Amino acid sequence: MRARHLLVPLALTTVLASGALAAPKPQLTDPKGDYPVAGADIVSATLSTLPGAKGKLQIDLALAAAPTAYSYSVNFIAGDCSFAAIYYGHPAEGVFSKSGVGCRVAGSTSLPEGSFKIKGSTITFTVPLTGALKKGVTVTDITAGTAPSGMISGSVAAALGDNATTNATYKIGS
């Protein structure tokens, strides 16, 4: 009888611990296969905050397949900041180059550039929490887009790539 009472707390601890380690849920999702180029087909975008003294914002842009010769962007509003993380794929070199990561406030960029890495079909942007991006700020108007590399931004490029938006919000540091 006493053994059963010991098993319940142990099982509850296991369930709670496994939930604490779960990956964050995407704030933005888009149907897989809604764009004909799998390496430019947005599946999701997930914002999360990395631990540390100052912390960093991590943005995972998941695609249906490994990135290809397209431009990839994630944009959102954080307070007075219009944030953009944009990376371009260059097929001739077979590498990606950082185009810009920044927070535009009244025409100026107030953030140092972040970094990126590509693993499989996910591009991960990492940005320091500084300026308008700080713990406790709520992020709104999250969008992600792709366009053939070398295209200019705007309605023509948007019509040629996959785009996704969401009404979800994210509180930095949560």
N, C-alpha and C. Protein backbone atom coordinates (compact mmCIF):
# COMPACT_ATOMS: atom_id res chain seq x y z
N MET A 1 0.82 -1.18 0.00
CA MET A 1 0.00 0.00 0.00
C MET A 1 0.87 1.26 0.00
N ARG A 2 1.89 1.28 0.84
CA ARG A 2 2.77 2.42 0.95
C ARG A 2 3.55 2.63 -0.37
N ALA A 3 3.91 1.58 -1.05
CA ALA A 3 4.66 1.67 -2.30
C ALA A 3 3.86 2.42 -3.36
N ARG A 4 2.54 2.24 -3.40
CA ARG A 4 1.71 2.93 -4.38
C ARG A 4 1.75 4.45 -4.14
N HIS A 5 1.76 4.87 -2.89
CA HIS A 5 1.81 6.30 -2.57
C HIS A 5 3.14 6.92 -2.99
N LEU A 6 4.19 6.15 -3.00
CA LEU A 6 5.49 6.64 -3.43
C LEU A 6 5.57 6.74 -4.95
N LEU A 7 4.85 5.89 -5.66
CA LEU A 7 4.89 5.91 -7.13
C LEU A 7 4.19 7.13 -7.71
N VAL A 8 3.12 7.59 -7.10
CA VAL A 8 2.38 8.75 -7.63
C VAL A 8 3.26 10.00 -7.68
N PRO A 9 3.94 10.38 -6.59
CA PRO A 9 4.81 11.56 -6.68
C PRO A 9 5.94 11.37 -7.69
N LEU A 10 6.48 10.16 -7.78
CA LEU A 10 7.54 9.89 -8.74
C LEU A 10 7.04 10.07 -10.17
N ALA A 11 5.86 9.56 -10.47
CA ALA A 11 5.28 9.71 -11.81
C ALA A 11 5.00 11.17 -12.11
N LEU A 12 4.47 11.92 -11.15
CA LEU A 12 4.17 13.34 -11.34
C LEU A 12 5.45 14.13 -11.60
N THR A 13 6.51 13.82 -10.87
CA THR A 13 7.79 14.48 -11.07
C THR A 13 8.32 14.21 -12.47
N THR A 14 8.19 12.98 -12.96
CA THR A 14 8.63 12.63 -14.30
C THR A 14 7.86 13.40 -15.36
N VAL A 15 6.55 13.52 -15.22
CA VAL A 15 5.72 14.25 -16.17
C VAL A 15 6.08 15.72 -16.18
N LEU A 16 6.24 16.32 -15.00
CA LEU A 16 6.58 17.74 -14.92
C LEU A 16 7.97 18.01 -15.49
N ALA A 17 8.92 17.14 -15.22
CA ALA A 17 10.28 17.33 -15.74
C ALA A 17 10.30 17.22 -17.25
N SER A 18 9.58 16.28 -17.82
CA SER A 18 9.58 16.13 -19.28
C SER A 18 8.90 17.31 -19.94
N GLY A 19 7.89 17.91 -19.31
CA GLY A 19 7.23 19.08 -19.87
C GLY A 19 8.13 20.30 -19.83
N ALA A 20 8.97 20.40 -18.81
CA ALA A 20 9.86 21.54 -18.68
C ALA A 20 10.94 21.53 -19.76
N LEU A 21 11.28 20.37 -20.27
CA LEU A 21 12.31 20.27 -21.29
C LEU A 21 11.77 20.36 -22.71
N ALA A 22 10.47 20.46 -22.84
CA ALA A 22 9.86 20.49 -24.16
C ALA A 22 10.27 21.75 -24.92
N ALA A 23 10.43 21.61 -26.22
CA ALA A 23 10.79 22.74 -27.07
C ALA A 23 9.64 23.75 -27.11
N PRO A 24 9.96 25.03 -27.26
CA PRO A 24 8.89 26.02 -27.35
C PRO A 24 8.04 25.80 -28.59
N LYS A 25 6.78 26.16 -28.49
CA LYS A 25 5.88 26.02 -29.64
C LYS A 25 6.07 27.21 -30.58
N PRO A 26 5.95 26.97 -31.89
CA PRO A 26 6.09 28.06 -32.85
C PRO A 26 5.00 29.13 -32.66
N GLN A 27 5.40 30.37 -32.82
CA GLN A 27 4.42 31.45 -32.81
C GLN A 27 3.77 31.60 -34.19
N LEU A 28 4.48 31.16 -35.23
CA LEU A 28 3.99 31.28 -36.59
C LEU A 28 4.05 29.90 -37.25
N THR A 29 2.95 29.48 -37.85
CA THR A 29 2.95 28.23 -38.62
C THR A 29 2.35 28.49 -39.99
N ASP A 30 2.77 27.69 -40.96
CA ASP A 30 2.31 27.82 -42.33
C ASP A 30 2.21 26.40 -42.90
N PRO A 31 1.18 26.12 -43.69
CA PRO A 31 1.03 24.76 -44.20
C PRO A 31 2.22 24.30 -45.04
N LYS A 32 2.72 23.12 -44.74
CA LYS A 32 3.81 22.53 -45.52
C LYS A 32 3.27 22.17 -46.89
N GLY A 33 4.04 22.53 -47.93
CA GLY A 33 3.64 22.20 -49.29
C GLY A 33 2.81 23.27 -49.98
N ASP A 34 2.65 24.44 -49.35
CA ASP A 34 1.86 25.49 -49.99
C ASP A 34 2.70 26.35 -50.93
N TYR A 35 4.00 26.02 -51.04
CA TYR A 35 4.89 26.71 -51.97
C TYR A 35 5.67 25.63 -52.71
N PRO A 36 5.83 25.76 -54.03
CA PRO A 36 6.42 24.66 -54.82
C PRO A 36 7.91 24.38 -54.60
N VAL A 37 8.66 25.30 -54.03
CA VAL A 37 10.08 25.08 -53.78
C VAL A 37 10.24 24.74 -52.31
N ALA A 38 10.51 23.47 -52.01
CA ALA A 38 10.54 23.01 -50.61
C ALA A 38 11.55 23.77 -49.76
N GLY A 39 12.69 24.13 -50.32
CA GLY A 39 13.71 24.86 -49.57
C GLY A 39 13.35 26.31 -49.31
N ALA A 40 12.23 26.77 -49.85
CA ALA A 40 11.74 28.13 -49.60
C ALA A 40 10.32 28.10 -49.05
N ASP A 41 9.84 26.91 -48.69
CA ASP A 41 8.49 26.73 -48.15
C ASP A 41 8.55 26.85 -46.63
N ILE A 42 8.01 27.95 -46.11
CA ILE A 42 8.01 28.19 -44.66
C ILE A 42 7.07 27.20 -43.98
N VAL A 43 7.55 26.59 -42.90
CA VAL A 43 6.73 25.70 -42.09
C VAL A 43 6.39 26.36 -40.76
N SER A 44 7.39 27.01 -40.13
CA SER A 44 7.13 27.67 -38.86
C SER A 44 8.25 28.65 -38.51
N ALA A 45 7.95 29.53 -37.56
CA ALA A 45 8.94 30.41 -36.96
C ALA A 45 8.71 30.38 -35.45
N THR A 46 9.79 30.16 -34.71
CA THR A 46 9.70 30.06 -33.27
C THR A 46 10.67 31.04 -32.63
N LEU A 47 10.16 31.89 -31.75
CA LEU A 47 10.99 32.80 -30.98
C LEU A 47 11.16 32.24 -29.59
N SER A 48 12.38 32.30 -29.07
CA SER A 48 12.65 31.86 -27.70
C SER A 48 13.79 32.69 -27.16
N THR A 49 13.92 32.70 -25.84
CA THR A 49 14.98 33.47 -25.20
C THR A 49 16.00 32.51 -24.62
N LEU A 50 17.25 32.72 -24.99
CA LEU A 50 18.32 31.88 -24.46
C LEU A 50 18.76 32.41 -23.11
N PRO A 51 19.10 31.53 -22.17
CA PRO A 51 19.50 31.98 -20.84
C PRO A 51 20.87 32.65 -20.87
N GLY A 52 21.15 33.35 -19.83
CA GLY A 52 22.44 34.01 -19.69
C GLY A 52 22.26 35.34 -18.99
N ALA A 53 23.35 35.96 -18.64
CA ALA A 53 23.29 37.22 -17.90
C ALA A 53 22.51 38.27 -18.68
N LYS A 54 22.84 38.44 -19.95
CA LYS A 54 22.14 39.43 -20.77
C LYS A 54 21.07 38.77 -21.64
N GLY A 55 21.24 37.51 -21.94
CA GLY A 55 20.28 36.78 -22.75
C GLY A 55 20.39 37.09 -24.23
N LYS A 56 19.81 36.21 -25.02
CA LYS A 56 19.77 36.39 -26.46
C LYS A 56 18.43 35.91 -26.96
N LEU A 57 17.97 36.51 -28.04
CA LEU A 57 16.75 36.09 -28.69
C LEU A 57 17.13 35.10 -29.78
N GLN A 58 16.46 33.96 -29.81
CA GLN A 58 16.70 32.96 -30.85
C GLN A 58 15.45 32.87 -31.71
N ILE A 59 15.64 32.88 -33.02
CA ILE A 59 14.54 32.75 -33.97
C ILE A 59 14.84 31.55 -34.86
N ASP A 60 14.00 30.53 -34.80
CA ASP A 60 14.16 29.35 -35.64
C ASP A 60 13.15 29.42 -36.78
N LEU A 61 13.65 29.52 -38.00
CA LEU A 61 12.80 29.53 -39.18
C LEU A 61 12.89 28.14 -39.81
N ALA A 62 11.82 27.36 -39.68
CA ALA A 62 11.80 25.99 -40.21
C ALA A 62 11.19 25.99 -41.61
N LEU A 63 11.84 25.26 -42.50
CA LEU A 63 11.41 25.14 -43.90
C LEU A 63 11.05 23.69 -44.18
N ALA A 64 10.42 23.44 -45.31
CA ALA A 64 10.04 22.08 -45.68
C ALA A 64 11.26 21.25 -46.08
N ALA A 65 12.36 21.89 -46.48
CA ALA A 65 13.60 21.22 -46.86
C ALA A 65 14.75 22.18 -46.60
N ALA A 66 15.96 21.72 -46.81
CA ALA A 66 17.14 22.56 -46.59
C ALA A 66 17.04 23.84 -47.42
N PRO A 67 17.53 24.98 -46.89
CA PRO A 67 17.47 26.24 -47.62
C PRO A 67 18.17 26.14 -48.98
N THR A 68 17.69 26.96 -49.90
CA THR A 68 18.23 26.97 -51.24
C THR A 68 18.59 28.40 -51.63
N ALA A 69 18.64 28.71 -52.90
CA ALA A 69 19.04 30.04 -53.38
C ALA A 69 17.90 31.05 -53.25
N TYR A 70 17.49 31.30 -52.05
CA TYR A 70 16.41 32.24 -51.75
C TYR A 70 16.86 33.19 -50.66
N SER A 71 16.13 34.28 -50.51
CA SER A 71 16.29 35.19 -49.38
C SER A 71 15.28 34.76 -48.33
N TYR A 72 15.67 34.86 -47.07
CA TYR A 72 14.82 34.44 -45.96
C TYR A 72 14.74 35.58 -44.96
N SER A 73 13.54 35.89 -44.49
CA SER A 73 13.42 36.97 -43.52
C SER A 73 12.39 36.65 -42.45
N VAL A 74 12.65 37.18 -41.27
CA VAL A 74 11.70 37.14 -40.16
C VAL A 74 11.61 38.57 -39.66
N ASN A 75 10.41 39.07 -39.52
CA ASN A 75 10.18 40.45 -39.09
C ASN A 75 9.16 40.47 -37.97
N PHE A 76 9.27 41.47 -37.11
CA PHE A 76 8.26 41.68 -36.06
C PHE A 76 8.41 43.07 -35.47
N ILE A 77 7.45 43.44 -34.65
CA ILE A 77 7.48 44.71 -33.93
C ILE A 77 7.74 44.40 -32.46
N ALA A 78 8.69 45.12 -31.85
CA ALA A 78 8.99 45.00 -30.42
C ALA A 78 9.06 46.42 -29.87
N GLY A 79 8.00 46.86 -29.23
CA GLY A 79 7.94 48.23 -28.73
C GLY A 79 8.00 49.20 -29.90
N ASP A 80 8.98 50.10 -29.90
CA ASP A 80 9.15 51.07 -30.98
C ASP A 80 10.04 50.54 -32.10
N CYS A 81 10.43 49.29 -31.99
CA CYS A 81 11.39 48.69 -32.92
C CYS A 81 10.69 47.91 -34.03
N SER A 82 11.08 48.17 -35.24
CA SER A 82 10.66 47.36 -36.38
C SER A 82 11.85 46.46 -36.70
N PHE A 83 11.78 45.21 -36.26
CA PHE A 83 12.92 44.29 -36.32
C PHE A 83 12.91 43.48 -37.60
N ALA A 84 14.09 43.25 -38.16
CA ALA A 84 14.22 42.40 -39.34
C ALA A 84 15.50 41.57 -39.25
N ALA A 85 15.36 40.28 -39.52
CA ALA A 85 16.51 39.39 -39.68
C ALA A 85 16.41 38.86 -41.10
N ILE A 86 17.40 39.18 -41.93
CA ILE A 86 17.34 38.81 -43.35
C ILE A 86 18.65 38.14 -43.75
N TYR A 87 18.53 37.00 -44.41
CA TYR A 87 19.69 36.28 -44.90
C TYR A 87 19.46 35.89 -46.36
N TYR A 88 20.52 35.96 -47.14
CA TYR A 88 20.43 35.65 -48.56
C TYR A 88 21.23 34.40 -48.89
N GLY A 89 20.67 33.56 -49.76
CA GLY A 89 21.40 32.39 -50.25
C GLY A 89 22.01 32.72 -51.59
N HIS A 90 23.27 32.40 -51.76
CA HIS A 90 23.96 32.66 -53.02
C HIS A 90 24.36 31.34 -53.64
N PRO A 91 23.63 30.90 -54.66
CA PRO A 91 23.90 29.57 -55.22
C PRO A 91 25.29 29.42 -55.81
N ALA A 92 25.86 30.45 -56.40
CA ALA A 92 27.17 30.33 -57.03
C ALA A 92 28.24 29.99 -56.00
N GLU A 93 28.18 30.63 -54.83
CA GLU A 93 29.17 30.36 -53.80
C GLU A 93 28.77 29.17 -52.93
N GLY A 94 27.50 28.81 -52.95
CA GLY A 94 27.02 27.71 -52.13
C GLY A 94 27.01 28.03 -50.65
N VAL A 95 27.02 29.31 -50.31
CA VAL A 95 27.02 29.71 -48.90
C VAL A 95 25.95 30.78 -48.67
N PHE A 96 25.70 31.04 -47.42
CA PHE A 96 24.78 32.11 -47.05
C PHE A 96 25.58 33.28 -46.52
N SER A 97 25.12 34.48 -46.82
CA SER A 97 25.77 35.65 -46.24
C SER A 97 24.74 36.45 -45.48
N LYS A 98 25.20 37.02 -44.41
CA LYS A 98 24.33 37.81 -43.57
C LYS A 98 24.06 39.14 -44.25
N SER A 99 22.82 39.49 -44.42
CA SER A 99 22.47 40.75 -45.03
C SER A 99 22.17 41.80 -43.98
N GLY A 100 21.52 41.38 -42.92
CA GLY A 100 21.20 42.37 -41.90
C GLY A 100 20.35 41.79 -40.80
N VAL A 101 20.63 42.21 -39.62
CA VAL A 101 19.79 41.92 -38.47
C VAL A 101 19.73 43.23 -37.74
N GLY A 102 18.56 43.76 -37.56
CA GLY A 102 18.54 45.04 -36.88
C GLY A 102 17.18 45.50 -36.47
N CYS A 103 17.20 46.56 -35.71
CA CYS A 103 16.00 47.17 -35.18
C CYS A 103 15.96 48.59 -35.70
N ARG A 104 15.02 48.86 -36.56
CA ARG A 104 14.92 50.20 -37.12
C ARG A 104 13.98 51.05 -36.27
N VAL A 105 14.52 52.11 -35.71
CA VAL A 105 13.74 53.08 -34.94
C VAL A 105 14.05 54.43 -35.56
N ALA A 106 13.05 55.06 -36.14
CA ALA A 106 13.22 56.37 -36.78
C ALA A 106 14.39 56.37 -37.77
N GLY A 107 14.47 55.31 -38.57
CA GLY A 107 15.46 55.25 -39.64
C GLY A 107 16.84 54.78 -39.24
N SER A 108 17.08 54.49 -37.96
CA SER A 108 18.42 54.04 -37.57
C SER A 108 18.35 52.60 -37.07
N THR A 109 19.48 51.93 -37.13
CA THR A 109 19.56 50.57 -36.62
C THR A 109 20.20 50.61 -35.25
N SER A 110 19.50 50.05 -34.26
CA SER A 110 19.98 50.15 -32.89
C SER A 110 20.49 48.84 -32.31
N LEU A 111 20.65 47.82 -33.11
CA LEU A 111 21.15 46.55 -32.61
C LEU A 111 22.40 46.12 -33.36
N PRO A 112 23.33 45.49 -32.66
CA PRO A 112 24.45 44.89 -33.38
C PRO A 112 23.92 43.70 -34.18
N GLU A 113 24.66 43.33 -35.20
CA GLU A 113 24.23 42.18 -35.98
C GLU A 113 24.27 40.93 -35.13
N GLY A 114 23.33 40.05 -35.42
CA GLY A 114 23.30 38.76 -34.76
C GLY A 114 24.07 37.75 -35.58
N SER A 115 23.84 36.50 -35.30
CA SER A 115 24.51 35.44 -36.04
C SER A 115 23.46 34.46 -36.53
N PHE A 116 23.88 33.53 -37.36
CA PHE A 116 22.96 32.53 -37.86
C PHE A 116 23.69 31.21 -38.06
N LYS A 117 22.90 30.15 -38.07
CA LYS A 117 23.45 28.84 -38.43
C LYS A 117 22.33 28.09 -39.16
N ILE A 118 22.74 27.16 -39.96
CA ILE A 118 21.78 26.34 -40.71
C ILE A 118 22.02 24.89 -40.31
N LYS A 119 20.95 24.25 -39.88
CA LYS A 119 21.03 22.83 -39.55
C LYS A 119 19.83 22.16 -40.21
N GLY A 120 20.10 21.31 -41.19
CA GLY A 120 19.02 20.64 -41.91
C GLY A 120 18.13 21.65 -42.60
N SER A 121 16.87 21.67 -42.22
CA SER A 121 15.90 22.57 -42.86
C SER A 121 15.54 23.77 -41.98
N THR A 122 16.40 24.08 -41.00
CA THR A 122 16.12 25.20 -40.10
C THR A 122 17.25 26.23 -40.14
N ILE A 123 16.87 27.50 -40.28
CA ILE A 123 17.80 28.61 -40.15
C ILE A 123 17.57 29.19 -38.75
N THR A 124 18.62 29.25 -37.95
CA THR A 124 18.51 29.79 -36.60
C THR A 124 19.26 31.12 -36.52
N PHE A 125 18.52 32.18 -36.21
CA PHE A 125 19.08 33.51 -36.01
C PHE A 125 19.25 33.70 -34.50
N THR A 126 20.37 34.26 -34.07
CA THR A 126 20.59 34.56 -32.66
C THR A 126 20.97 36.04 -32.54
N VAL A 127 20.23 36.76 -31.69
CA VAL A 127 20.39 38.21 -31.61
C VAL A 127 20.55 38.62 -30.14
N PRO A 128 21.53 39.48 -29.83
CA PRO A 128 21.68 39.94 -28.45
C PRO A 128 20.46 40.74 -28.00
N LEU A 129 20.11 40.61 -26.73
CA LEU A 129 19.04 41.43 -26.17
C LEU A 129 19.65 42.76 -25.74
N THR A 130 19.36 43.77 -26.51
CA THR A 130 19.88 45.11 -26.24
C THR A 130 18.96 46.13 -26.88
N GLY A 131 19.04 47.36 -26.48
CA GLY A 131 18.19 48.40 -27.05
C GLY A 131 16.72 48.08 -26.85
N ALA A 132 15.95 48.14 -27.92
CA ALA A 132 14.51 47.89 -27.84
C ALA A 132 14.18 46.42 -27.57
N LEU A 133 15.11 45.53 -27.88
CA LEU A 133 14.91 44.10 -27.60
C LEU A 133 15.43 43.81 -26.21
N LYS A 134 14.52 43.65 -25.27
CA LYS A 134 14.92 43.35 -23.89
C LYS A 134 13.86 42.50 -23.24
N LYS A 135 14.23 41.84 -22.17
CA LYS A 135 13.29 40.97 -21.47
C LYS A 135 12.07 41.76 -21.03
N GLY A 136 10.91 41.13 -21.20
CA GLY A 136 9.65 41.75 -20.81
C GLY A 136 8.92 42.45 -21.94
N VAL A 137 9.60 42.74 -23.05
CA VAL A 137 8.96 43.41 -24.19
C VAL A 137 8.14 42.39 -24.97
N THR A 138 6.92 42.79 -25.36
CA THR A 138 6.05 41.91 -26.13
C THR A 138 6.27 42.12 -27.62
N VAL A 139 6.49 41.03 -28.33
CA VAL A 139 6.70 41.03 -29.78
C VAL A 139 5.35 40.78 -30.46
N THR A 140 5.03 41.59 -31.47
CA THR A 140 3.78 41.43 -32.23
C THR A 140 4.08 41.44 -33.72
N ASP A 141 3.05 41.20 -34.52
CA ASP A 141 3.14 41.27 -35.99
C ASP A 141 4.29 40.44 -36.55
N ILE A 142 4.38 39.19 -36.12
CA ILE A 142 5.46 38.31 -36.58
C ILE A 142 5.16 37.86 -38.01
N THR A 143 6.11 38.07 -38.90
CA THR A 143 5.97 37.63 -40.29
C THR A 143 7.26 36.94 -40.73
N ALA A 144 7.14 36.07 -41.70
CA ALA A 144 8.30 35.42 -42.29
C ALA A 144 8.06 35.37 -43.79
N GLY A 145 9.14 35.47 -44.55
CA GLY A 145 8.99 35.45 -46.00
C GLY A 145 10.22 34.91 -46.69
N THR A 146 10.01 34.42 -47.89
CA THR A 146 11.10 33.97 -48.74
C THR A 146 10.90 34.57 -50.13
N ALA A 147 11.98 34.74 -50.86
CA ALA A 147 11.93 35.24 -52.23
C ALA A 147 13.18 34.74 -52.94
N PRO A 148 13.11 34.52 -54.25
CA PRO A 148 14.31 34.10 -54.97
C PRO A 148 15.46 35.06 -54.68
N SER A 149 16.65 34.53 -54.41
CA SER A 149 17.80 35.36 -54.07
C SER A 149 18.07 36.38 -55.17
N GLY A 150 18.38 37.60 -54.75
CA GLY A 150 18.64 38.67 -55.70
C GLY A 150 17.42 39.51 -55.99
N MET A 151 16.23 39.08 -55.56
CA MET A 151 15.02 39.87 -55.76
C MET A 151 15.02 41.05 -54.80
N ILE A 152 14.44 42.14 -55.26
CA ILE A 152 14.26 43.26 -54.35
C ILE A 152 13.02 43.01 -53.51
N SER A 153 12.96 43.63 -52.36
CA SER A 153 11.78 43.44 -51.52
C SER A 153 10.61 44.21 -52.10
N GLY A 154 9.44 43.84 -51.69
CA GLY A 154 8.24 44.51 -52.16
C GLY A 154 7.23 43.52 -52.69
N SER A 155 6.20 44.04 -53.33
CA SER A 155 5.09 43.19 -53.75
C SER A 155 5.50 42.18 -54.82
N VAL A 156 6.41 42.54 -55.72
CA VAL A 156 6.82 41.59 -56.75
C VAL A 156 7.54 40.40 -56.12
N ALA A 157 8.49 40.68 -55.23
CA ALA A 157 9.22 39.60 -54.56
C ALA A 157 8.29 38.78 -53.69
N ALA A 158 7.38 39.44 -52.99
CA ALA A 158 6.44 38.72 -52.13
C ALA A 158 5.58 37.77 -52.93
N ALA A 159 5.21 38.15 -54.12
CA ALA A 159 4.38 37.30 -54.96
C ALA A 159 5.15 36.07 -55.44
N LEU A 160 6.48 36.14 -55.46
CA LEU A 160 7.30 35.04 -55.96
C LEU A 160 7.78 34.09 -54.86
N GLY A 161 7.52 34.39 -53.61
CA GLY A 161 8.00 33.56 -52.52
C GLY A 161 6.86 33.12 -51.61
N ASP A 162 7.23 32.44 -50.54
CA ASP A 162 6.27 32.01 -49.54
C ASP A 162 6.25 33.04 -48.42
N ASN A 163 5.08 33.42 -47.96
CA ASN A 163 4.95 34.40 -46.89
C ASN A 163 3.96 33.89 -45.86
N ALA A 164 4.24 34.20 -44.61
CA ALA A 164 3.36 33.78 -43.53
C ALA A 164 3.31 34.87 -42.47
N THR A 165 2.15 35.07 -41.90
CA THR A 165 1.97 36.05 -40.83
C THR A 165 1.16 35.42 -39.70
N THR A 166 1.21 36.04 -38.55
CA THR A 166 0.45 35.53 -37.42
C THR A 166 0.01 36.68 -36.52
N ASN A 167 -1.05 36.45 -35.79
CA ASN A 167 -1.50 37.40 -34.78
C ASN A 167 -0.94 37.04 -33.41
N ALA A 168 -0.19 35.95 -33.32
CA ALA A 168 0.39 35.52 -32.05
C ALA A 168 1.39 36.55 -31.55
N THR A 169 1.60 36.57 -30.25
CA THR A 169 2.59 37.45 -29.65
C THR A 169 3.60 36.59 -28.90
N TYR A 170 4.71 37.21 -28.56
CA TYR A 170 5.74 36.55 -27.77
C TYR A 170 6.32 37.55 -26.80
N LYS A 171 6.41 37.21 -25.55
CA LYS A 171 7.01 38.09 -24.54
C LYS A 171 8.46 37.65 -24.36
N ILE A 172 9.39 38.53 -24.68
CA ILE A 172 10.80 38.20 -24.57
C ILE A 172 11.15 37.85 -23.12
N GLY A 173 11.76 36.71 -22.96
CA GLY A 173 12.13 36.23 -21.64
C GLY A 173 11.15 35.22 -21.07
N SER A 174 10.08 34.94 -21.80
CA SER A 174 9.10 33.97 -21.28
C SER A 174 9.41 32.56 -21.74
